[in-house]
Amino acid sequence: MKPTRHAEMMQLLARHGTLDTNALATALGVSVETVRRDLNRLQTEGKILRHHGGARLLHPASGDAGQPSHTRLKSHYAYKADIARHALE
C-alpha cells in the first residue's frame, strides 16, 4: 500500500508542481499525518522538497532543482548520516 501511495504522491506532485498536505490527504484518502510521514520519507530519499505545509517535486535530472545550498543542507539526512558514520570509523 505504501509504495503505491508514494507513487501516487509523486504523480500528483509531477502534475501540479506544489501541493499542500491537505490537498494530498484528500486526493489520496488518507490522514494529514500519514501524508506528513510519507513526505518525510520521500524527502529523505531525495525525491521531493518539503516546505511548510506541503511539498514539491525535485527536478529528476539535477536532484536539487537548483536550490541554494542552505536548502540542500536539509535534504538527504540518511545518506549524510551514513557518510558521517563511515568517516568516524
Protein backbone atom coordinates (compact mmCIF):
# COMPACT_ATOMS: atom_id res chain seq x y z
CA MET A 1 0.00 0.00 0.00
CA LYS A 2 2.72 2.47 0.98
CA PRO A 3 4.78 2.14 -2.26
CA THR A 4 1.59 2.65 -4.27
CA ARG A 5 0.69 5.72 -2.22
CA HIS A 6 4.20 7.13 -2.65
CA ALA A 7 3.96 6.63 -6.41
CA GLU A 8 0.58 8.38 -6.46
CA MET A 9 2.04 11.28 -4.46
CA MET A 10 4.89 11.60 -6.93
CA GLN A 11 2.42 11.62 -9.84
CA LEU A 12 0.28 14.29 -8.18
CA LEU A 13 3.33 16.45 -7.46
CA ALA A 14 4.56 16.00 -11.03
CA ARG A 15 1.17 17.06 -12.36
CA HIS A 16 0.61 20.04 -10.04
CA GLY A 17 4.14 21.11 -9.12
CA THR A 18 3.45 22.04 -5.50
CA LEU A 19 0.69 20.71 -3.26
CA ASP A 20 -0.15 21.20 0.38
CA THR A 21 -0.63 18.35 2.82
CA ASN A 22 -4.42 18.82 2.99
CA ALA A 23 -4.78 18.53 -0.79
CA LEU A 24 -2.62 15.40 -0.84
CA ALA A 25 -4.57 13.84 2.04
CA THR A 26 -7.87 14.50 0.28
CA ALA A 27 -6.65 13.21 -3.08
CA LEU A 28 -5.22 10.03 -1.54
CA GLY A 29 -7.96 9.41 1.02
CA VAL A 30 -5.56 9.30 3.99
CA SER A 31 -4.92 11.42 7.06
CA VAL A 32 -2.72 14.52 7.06
CA GLU A 33 -0.36 12.74 9.48
CA THR A 34 0.08 9.88 7.00
CA VAL A 35 0.88 12.40 4.27
CA ARG A 36 3.44 14.10 6.51
CA ARG A 37 5.17 10.80 7.28
CA ASP A 38 5.20 9.89 3.59
CA LEU A 39 6.56 13.31 2.61
CA ASN A 40 9.33 12.99 5.20
CA ARG A 41 10.27 9.62 3.71
CA LEU A 42 10.23 10.92 0.14
CA GLN A 43 12.39 13.88 1.13
CA THR A 44 14.88 11.57 2.85
CA GLU A 45 15.04 9.62 -0.40
CA GLY A 46 15.78 12.88 -2.24
CA LYS A 47 12.66 12.79 -4.39
CA ILE A 48 10.85 15.87 -3.10
CA LEU A 49 11.49 19.09 -1.24
CA ARG A 50 9.26 19.76 1.75
CA HIS A 51 8.22 23.23 2.75
CA HIS A 52 5.87 24.49 5.43
CA GLY A 53 2.51 22.87 4.79
CA GLY A 54 3.37 20.96 1.64
CA ALA A 55 5.96 19.76 -0.83
CA ARG A 56 7.17 19.96 -4.40
CA LEU A 57 8.88 17.55 -6.72
CA LEU A 58 12.60 17.94 -7.27
CA HIS A 59 13.79 18.08 -10.84
CA PRO A 60 14.92 14.49 -11.52
CA ALA A 61 17.93 15.46 -13.63
CA SER A 62 19.65 17.61 -11.03
CA GLY A 63 18.34 16.13 -7.78
CA ASP A 64 18.30 19.57 -6.18
CA ALA A 65 16.19 21.62 -8.62
CA GLY A 66 18.72 24.43 -8.42
CA GLN A 67 18.06 25.06 -4.76
CA PRO A 68 20.55 27.13 -2.75
CA SER A 69 22.99 25.25 -0.57
CA HIS A 70 21.26 26.19 2.70
CA THR A 71 18.14 24.43 1.40
CA ARG A 72 20.06 21.37 0.19
CA LEU A 73 21.63 21.02 3.64
CA LYS A 74 18.21 19.96 4.92
CA SER A 75 17.87 17.08 2.46
CA HIS A 76 19.28 13.55 2.25
CA TYR A 77 19.72 13.19 6.01
CA ALA A 78 20.06 9.40 5.93
CA TYR A 79 22.83 9.47 3.33
CA LYS A 80 24.72 12.21 5.14
CA ALA A 81 24.47 10.33 8.45
CA ASP A 82 25.88 7.19 6.79
CA ILE A 83 28.80 9.17 5.40
CA ALA A 84 29.47 10.68 8.82
CA ARG A 85 29.41 7.25 10.49
CA HIS A 86 31.87 5.85 7.97
CA ALA A 87 34.14 8.88 8.39
CA LEU A 88 34.20 8.41 12.17
CA GLU A 89 35.27 4.77 11.76
